[in-house]
Amino acid sequence: MTIDIYSLVFSKLSGDSDVSLFACSDSKDLEDFLRNDAKTRQQEKISTTYLVHSGTDLVGFFSFVYGMYHI
């Protein structure tokens, strides 16, 4: 699959986001995180996940994890 990087659309994961068709041939752990944990982690303010679409296809995602600093 060839993806035009200029056509990518980024959106924040929401309760309405359908991630059920996301597939990653490199890591089933990534699929599991997106399908089962990402929304919960976002609600708990542990991380924020963004979805990457090319047309109607979900082609990727990334998450920012909040860190804590102890002084």
PDB file of N, CA and C in Angstrom:
ATOM      1  N   MET A   1       0.851  -1.177   0.000  1.00  0.00           N
ATOM      2  CA  MET A   1       0.000   0.000   0.000  1.00  0.00           C
ATOM      3  C   MET A   1       0.894   1.235   0.000  1.00  0.00           C
ATOM      4  N   THR A   2       0.678   2.108  -0.946  1.00  0.00           N
ATOM      5  CA  THR A   2       1.403   3.365  -1.009  1.00  0.00           C
ATOM      6  C   THR A   2       0.533   4.448  -0.390  1.00  0.00           C
ATOM      7  N   ILE A   3       1.140   5.229   0.501  1.00  0.00           N
ATOM      8  CA  ILE A   3       0.401   6.276   1.197  1.00  0.00           C
ATOM      9  C   ILE A   3       1.022   7.623   0.876  1.00  0.00           C
ATOM     10  N   ASP A   4       0.203   8.548   0.419  1.00  0.00           N
ATOM     11  CA  ASP A   4       0.641   9.922   0.183  1.00  0.00           C
ATOM     12  C   ASP A   4       0.658  10.647   1.528  1.00  0.00           C
ATOM     13  N   ILE A   5       1.838  11.017   2.001  1.00  0.00           N
ATOM     14  CA  ILE A   5       1.937  11.619   3.338  1.00  0.00           C
ATOM     15  C   ILE A   5       1.181  12.931   3.448  1.00  0.00           C
ATOM     16  N   TYR A   6       0.933  13.582   2.320  1.00  0.00           N
ATOM     17  CA  TYR A   6       0.207  14.852   2.356  1.00  0.00           C
ATOM     18  C   TYR A   6      -1.303  14.655   2.506  1.00  0.00           C
ATOM     19  N   SER A   7      -1.753  13.408   2.384  1.00  0.00           N
ATOM     20  CA  SER A   7      -3.189  13.143   2.527  1.00  0.00           C
ATOM     21  C   SER A   7      -3.530  12.610   3.916  1.00  0.00           C
ATOM     22  N   LEU A   8      -2.523  12.471   4.777  1.00  0.00           N
ATOM     23  CA  LEU A   8      -2.777  11.929   6.111  1.00  0.00           C
ATOM     24  C   LEU A   8      -3.598  12.899   6.954  1.00  0.00           C
ATOM     25  N   VAL A   9      -4.504  12.340   7.720  1.00  0.00           N
ATOM     26  CA  VAL A   9      -5.357  13.118   8.617  1.00  0.00           C
ATOM     27  C   VAL A   9      -5.142  12.590  10.033  1.00  0.00           C
ATOM     28  N   PHE A  10      -4.883  13.505  10.962  1.00  0.00           N
ATOM     29  CA  PHE A  10      -4.638  13.159  12.353  1.00  0.00           C
ATOM     30  C   PHE A  10      -5.840  13.566  13.196  1.00  0.00           C
ATOM     31  N   SER A  11      -6.249  12.681  14.095  1.00  0.00           N
ATOM     32  CA  SER A  11      -7.363  13.011  14.981  1.00  0.00           C
ATOM     33  C   SER A  11      -7.114  12.383  16.346  1.00  0.00           C
ATOM     34  N   LYS A  12      -7.605  13.062  17.360  1.00  0.00           N
ATOM     35  CA  LYS A  12      -7.467  12.539  18.724  1.00  0.00           C
ATOM     36  C   LYS A  12      -8.438  11.388  18.920  1.00  0.00           C
ATOM     37  N   LEU A  13      -7.967  10.327  19.561  1.00  0.00           N
ATOM     38  CA  LEU A  13      -8.814   9.186  19.887  1.00  0.00           C
ATOM     39  C   LEU A  13      -9.987   9.656  20.742  1.00  0.00           C
ATOM     40  N   SER A  14     -11.178   9.193  20.402  1.00  0.00           N
ATOM     41  CA  SER A  14     -12.363   9.558  21.178  1.00  0.00           C
ATOM     42  C   SER A  14     -13.185   8.302  21.438  1.00  0.00           C
ATOM     43  N   GLY A  15     -14.214   8.463  22.228  1.00  0.00           N
ATOM     44  CA  GLY A  15     -15.093   7.340  22.525  1.00  0.00           C
ATOM     45  C   GLY A  15     -15.766   6.782  21.287  1.00  0.00           C
ATOM     46  N   ASP A  16     -15.909   7.610  20.258  1.00  0.00           N
ATOM     47  CA  ASP A  16     -16.554   7.196  19.015  1.00  0.00           C
ATOM     48  C   ASP A  16     -15.585   6.589  18.001  1.00  0.00           C
ATOM     49  N   SER A  17     -14.294   6.654  18.267  1.00  0.00           N
ATOM     50  CA  SER A  17     -13.298   6.156  17.317  1.00  0.00           C
ATOM     51  C   SER A  17     -13.403   4.643  17.159  1.00  0.00           C
ATOM     52  N   ASP A  18     -13.499   4.205  15.910  1.00  0.00           N
ATOM     53  CA  ASP A  18     -13.533   2.773  15.628  1.00  0.00           C
ATOM     54  C   ASP A  18     -12.121   2.326  15.267  1.00  0.00           C
ATOM     55  N   VAL A  19     -11.499   1.578  16.161  1.00  0.00           N
ATOM     56  CA  VAL A  19     -10.132   1.101  15.936  1.00  0.00           C
ATOM     57  C   VAL A  19     -10.097  -0.411  15.713  1.00  0.00           C
ATOM     58  N   SER A  20     -11.262  -1.008  15.539  1.00  0.00           N
ATOM     59  CA  SER A  20     -11.360  -2.469  15.461  1.00  0.00           C
ATOM     60  C   SER A  20     -10.650  -3.062  14.246  1.00  0.00           C
ATOM     61  N   LEU A  21     -10.496  -2.303  13.172  1.00  0.00           N
ATOM     62  CA  LEU A  21      -9.877  -2.837  11.958  1.00  0.00           C
ATOM     63  C   LEU A  21      -8.382  -2.567  11.878  1.00  0.00           C
ATOM     64  N   PHE A  22      -7.821  -1.892  12.885  1.00  0.00           N
ATOM     65  CA  PHE A  22      -6.389  -1.609  12.843  1.00  0.00           C
ATOM     66  C   PHE A  22      -5.602  -2.911  12.932  1.00  0.00           C
ATOM     67  N   ALA A  23      -4.628  -3.053  12.049  1.00  0.00           N
ATOM     68  CA  ALA A  23      -3.773  -4.238  12.043  1.00  0.00           C
ATOM     69  C   ALA A  23      -2.319  -3.817  11.900  1.00  0.00           C
ATOM     70  N   CYS A  24      -1.471  -4.459  12.682  1.00  0.00           N
ATOM     71  CA  CYS A  24      -0.038  -4.194  12.631  1.00  0.00           C
ATOM     72  C   CYS A  24       0.679  -5.534  12.506  1.00  0.00           C
ATOM     73  N   SER A  25       1.292  -5.767  11.367  1.00  0.00           N
ATOM     74  CA  SER A  25       1.951  -7.052  11.149  1.00  0.00           C
ATOM     75  C   SER A  25       3.209  -7.211  11.994  1.00  0.00           C
ATOM     76  N   ASP A  26       3.753  -6.097  12.503  1.00  0.00           N
ATOM     77  CA  ASP A  26       4.978  -6.161  13.308  1.00  0.00           C
ATOM     78  C   ASP A  26       4.732  -6.450  14.778  1.00  0.00           C
ATOM     79  N   SER A  27       3.561  -6.077  15.280  1.00  0.00           N
ATOM     80  CA  SER A  27       3.363  -6.208  16.727  1.00  0.00           C
ATOM     81  C   SER A  27       1.890  -6.340  17.089  1.00  0.00           C
ATOM     82  N   LYS A  28       1.528  -7.493  17.569  1.00  0.00           N
ATOM     83  CA  LYS A  28       0.168  -7.699  18.072  1.00  0.00           C
ATOM     84  C   LYS A  28      -0.049  -6.909  19.363  1.00  0.00           C
ATOM     85  N   ASP A  29       1.049  -6.601  20.077  1.00  0.00           N
ATOM     86  CA  ASP A  29       0.935  -5.785  21.297  1.00  0.00           C
ATOM     87  C   ASP A  29       0.411  -4.395  20.982  1.00  0.00           C
ATOM     88  N   LEU A  30       0.815  -3.829  19.838  1.00  0.00           N
ATOM     89  CA  LEU A  30       0.309  -2.512  19.441  1.00  0.00           C
ATOM     90  C   LEU A  30      -1.182  -2.567  19.145  1.00  0.00           C
ATOM     91  N   GLU A  31      -1.605  -3.606  18.457  1.00  0.00           N
ATOM     92  CA  GLU A  31      -3.036  -3.775  18.193  1.00  0.00           C
ATOM     93  C   GLU A  31      -3.807  -3.877  19.505  1.00  0.00           C
ATOM     94  N   ASP A  32      -3.286  -4.675  20.413  1.00  0.00           N
ATOM     95  CA  ASP A  32      -3.943  -4.867  21.710  1.00  0.00           C
ATOM     96  C   ASP A  32      -4.033  -3.558  22.485  1.00  0.00           C
ATOM     97  N   PHE A  33      -2.955  -2.782  22.502  1.00  0.00           N
ATOM     98  CA  PHE A  33      -2.976  -1.503  23.213  1.00  0.00           C
ATOM     99  C   PHE A  33      -4.053  -0.589  22.636  1.00  0.00           C
ATOM    100  N   LEU A  34      -4.069  -0.446  21.316  1.00  0.00           N
ATOM    101  CA  LEU A  34      -5.034   0.469  20.699  1.00  0.00           C
ATOM    102  C   LEU A  34      -6.463   0.004  20.931  1.00  0.00           C
ATOM    103  N   ARG A  35      -6.712  -1.268  20.792  1.00  0.00           N
ATOM    104  CA  ARG A  35      -8.081  -1.785  20.909  1.00  0.00           C
ATOM    105  C   ARG A  35      -8.577  -1.873  22.351  1.00  0.00           C
ATOM    106  N   ASN A  36      -7.672  -2.163  23.284  1.00  0.00           N
ATOM    107  CA  ASN A  36      -8.113  -2.479  24.647  1.00  0.00           C
ATOM    108  C   ASN A  36      -7.669  -1.514  25.738  1.00  0.00           C
ATOM    109  N   ASP A  37      -6.622  -0.741  25.493  1.00  0.00           N
ATOM    110  CA  ASP A  37      -6.073   0.072  26.578  1.00  0.00           C
ATOM    111  C   ASP A  37      -6.032   1.579  26.319  1.00  0.00           C
ATOM    112  N   ALA A  38      -5.914   1.988  25.077  1.00  0.00           N
ATOM    113  CA  ALA A  38      -5.674   3.399  24.773  1.00  0.00           C
ATOM    114  C   ALA A  38      -6.775   4.318  25.303  1.00  0.00           C
ATOM    115  N   LYS A  39      -8.023   3.948  25.125  1.00  0.00           N
ATOM    116  CA  LYS A  39      -9.122   4.803  25.592  1.00  0.00           C
ATOM    117  C   LYS A  39      -9.121   4.927  27.109  1.00  0.00           C
ATOM    118  N   THR A  40      -8.878   3.819  27.781  1.00  0.00           N
ATOM    119  CA  THR A  40      -8.832   3.840  29.246  1.00  0.00           C
ATOM    120  C   THR A  40      -7.681   4.696  29.733  1.00  0.00           C
ATOM    121  N   ARG A  41      -6.515   4.527  29.131  1.00  0.00           N
ATOM    122  CA  ARG A  41      -5.337   5.320  29.533  1.00  0.00           C
ATOM    123  C   ARG A  41      -5.582   6.811  29.317  1.00  0.00           C
ATOM    124  N   GLN A  42      -6.312   7.127  28.263  1.00  0.00           N
ATOM    125  CA  GLN A  42      -6.621   8.526  27.983  1.00  0.00           C
ATOM    126  C   GLN A  42      -7.596   9.072  29.022  1.00  0.00           C
ATOM    127  N   GLN A  43      -8.609   8.301  29.372  1.00  0.00           N
ATOM    128  CA  GLN A  43      -9.575   8.734  30.389  1.00  0.00           C
ATOM    129  C   GLN A  43      -8.903   8.909  31.742  1.00  0.00           C
ATOM    130  N   GLU A  44      -7.902   8.084  32.023  1.00  0.00           N
ATOM    131  CA  GLU A  44      -7.175   8.165  33.293  1.00  0.00           C
ATOM    132  C   GLU A  44      -6.067   9.229  33.267  1.00  0.00           C
ATOM    133  N   LYS A  45      -5.951   9.915  32.129  1.00  0.00           N
ATOM    134  CA  LYS A  45      -4.949  10.967  31.925  1.00  0.00           C
ATOM    135  C   LYS A  45      -3.521  10.443  32.078  1.00  0.00           C
ATOM    136  N   ILE A  46      -3.317   9.212  31.615  1.00  0.00           N
ATOM    137  CA  ILE A  46      -1.995   8.609  31.585  1.00  0.00           C
ATOM    138  C   ILE A  46      -1.324   8.893  30.246  1.00  0.00           C
ATOM    139  N   SER A  47      -2.135   8.910  29.188  1.00  0.00           N
ATOM    140  CA  SER A  47      -1.610   9.179  27.855  1.00  0.00           C
ATOM    141  C   SER A  47      -2.712   9.759  26.979  1.00  0.00           C
ATOM    142  N   THR A  48      -2.297  10.312  25.845  1.00  0.00           N
ATOM    143  CA  THR A  48      -3.223  10.789  24.820  1.00  0.00           C
ATOM    144  C   THR A  48      -2.820  10.135  23.508  1.00  0.00           C
ATOM    145  N   THR A  49      -3.785   9.570  22.808  1.00  0.00           N
ATOM    146  CA  THR A  49      -3.514   8.848  21.570  1.00  0.00           C
ATOM    147  C   THR A  49      -4.134   9.587  20.394  1.00  0.00           C
ATOM    148  N   TYR A  50      -3.372   9.642  19.318  1.00  0.00           N
ATOM    149  CA  TYR A  50      -3.823  10.246  18.068  1.00  0.00           C
ATOM    150  C   TYR A  50      -3.839   9.178  16.983  1.00  0.00           C
ATOM    151  N   LEU A  51      -4.879   9.213  16.169  1.00  0.00           N
ATOM    152  CA  LEU A  51      -5.038   8.264  15.070  1.00  0.00           C
ATOM    153  C   LEU A  51      -4.593   8.912  13.769  1.00  0.00           C
ATOM    154  N   VAL A  52      -4.062   8.102  12.872  1.00  0.00           N
ATOM    155  CA  VAL A  52      -3.610   8.586  11.567  1.00  0.00           C
ATOM    156  C   VAL A  52      -4.400   7.846  10.496  1.00  0.00           C
ATOM    157  N   HIS A  53      -5.136   8.609   9.690  1.00  0.00           N
ATOM    158  CA  HIS A  53      -5.953   8.037   8.623  1.00  0.00           C
ATOM    159  C   HIS A  53      -5.426   8.465   7.255  1.00  0.00           C
ATOM    160  N   SER A  54      -5.524   7.555   6.319  1.00  0.00           N
ATOM    161  CA  SER A  54      -5.312   7.853   4.902  1.00  0.00           C
ATOM    162  C   SER A  54      -6.627   7.504   4.231  1.00  0.00           C
ATOM    163  N   GLY A  55      -7.369   8.526   3.853  1.00  0.00           N
ATOM    164  CA  GLY A  55      -8.729   8.280   3.373  1.00  0.00           C
ATOM    165  C   GLY A  55      -9.548   7.724   4.519  1.00  0.00           C
ATOM    166  N   THR A  56     -10.189   6.588   4.298  1.00  0.00           N
ATOM    167  CA  THR A  56     -10.988   5.970   5.356  1.00  0.00           C
ATOM    168  C   THR A  56     -10.210   4.905   6.125  1.00  0.00           C
ATOM    169  N   ASP A  57      -8.963   4.665   5.720  1.00  0.00           N
ATOM    170  CA  ASP A  57      -8.147   3.624   6.354  1.00  0.00           C
ATOM    171  C   ASP A  57      -7.378   4.164   7.555  1.00  0.00           C
ATOM    172  N   LEU A  58      -7.463   3.463   8.666  1.00  0.00           N
ATOM    173  CA  LEU A  58      -6.645   3.764   9.839  1.00  0.00           C
ATOM    174  C   LEU A  58      -5.280   3.134   9.594  1.00  0.00           C
ATOM    175  N   VAL A  59      -4.252   3.971   9.385  1.00  0.00           N
ATOM    176  CA  VAL A  59      -2.937   3.456   8.991  1.00  0.00           C
ATOM    177  C   VAL A  59      -1.899   3.538  10.109  1.00  0.00           C
ATOM    178  N   GLY A  60      -2.239   4.187  11.211  1.00  0.00           N
ATOM    179  CA  GLY A  60      -1.290   4.273  12.310  1.00  0.00           C
ATOM    180  C   GLY A  60      -1.851   5.043  13.483  1.00  0.00           C
ATOM    181  N   PHE A  61      -1.067   5.094  14.533  1.00  0.00           N
ATOM    182  CA  PHE A  61      -1.427   5.876  15.708  1.00  0.00           C
ATOM    183  C   PHE A  61      -0.165   6.159  16.502  1.00  0.00           C
ATOM    184  N   PHE A  62      -0.243   7.142  17.362  1.00  0.00           N
ATOM    185  CA  PHE A  62       0.842   7.408  18.295  1.00  0.00           C
ATOM    186  C   PHE A  62       0.246   7.924  19.590  1.00  0.00           C
ATOM    187  N   SER A  63       0.966   7.691  20.664  1.00  0.00           N
ATOM    188  CA  SER A  63       0.501   8.105  21.986  1.00  0.00           C
ATOM    189  C   SER A  63       1.577   8.913  22.679  1.00  0.00           C
ATOM    190  N   PHE A  64       1.151   9.972  23.330  1.00  0.00           N
ATOM    191  CA  PHE A  64       2.021  10.740  24.204  1.00  0.00           C
ATOM    192  C   PHE A  64       1.730  10.295  25.629  1.00  0.00           C
ATOM    193  N   VAL A  65       2.757   9.940  26.344  1.00  0.00           N
ATOM    194  CA  VAL A  65       2.605   9.478  27.722  1.00  0.00           C
ATOM    195  C   VAL A  65       3.016  10.606  28.652  1.00  0.00           C
ATOM    196  N   TYR A  66       2.170  10.867  29.636  1.00  0.00           N
ATOM    197  CA  TYR A  66       2.471  11.902  30.619  1.00  0.00           C
ATOM    198  C   TYR A  66       3.453  11.348  31.640  1.00  0.00           C
ATOM    199  N   GLY A  67       4.451  12.142  31.959  1.00  0.00           N
ATOM    200  CA  GLY A  67       5.460  11.710  32.925  1.00  0.00           C
ATOM    201  C   GLY A  67       5.328  12.472  34.216  1.00  0.00           C
ATOM    202  N   MET A  68       5.960  11.929  35.221  1.00  0.00           N
ATOM    203  CA  MET A  68       5.970  12.597  36.533  1.00  0.00           C
ATOM    204  C   MET A  68       7.404  12.813  36.935  1.00  0.00           C
ATOM    205  N   TYR A  69       7.634  13.967  37.543  1.00  0.00           N
ATOM    206  CA  TYR A  69       8.959  14.285  38.030  1.00  0.00           C
ATOM    207  C   TYR A  69       8.904  14.419  39.537  1.00  0.00           C
ATOM    208  N   HIS A  70       9.821  13.791  40.214  1.00  0.00           N
ATOM    209  CA  HIS A  70       9.906  13.893  41.657  1.00  0.00           C
ATOM    210  C   HIS A  70      11.145  14.708  41.997  1.00  0.00           C
ATOM    211  N   ILE A  71      10.947  15.717  42.812  1.00  0.00           N
ATOM    212  CA  ILE A  71      12.069  16.571  43.213  1.00  0.00           C
ATOM    213  C   ILE A  71      12.446  16.272  44.635  1.00  0.00           C
TER     214      ILE A  71
END
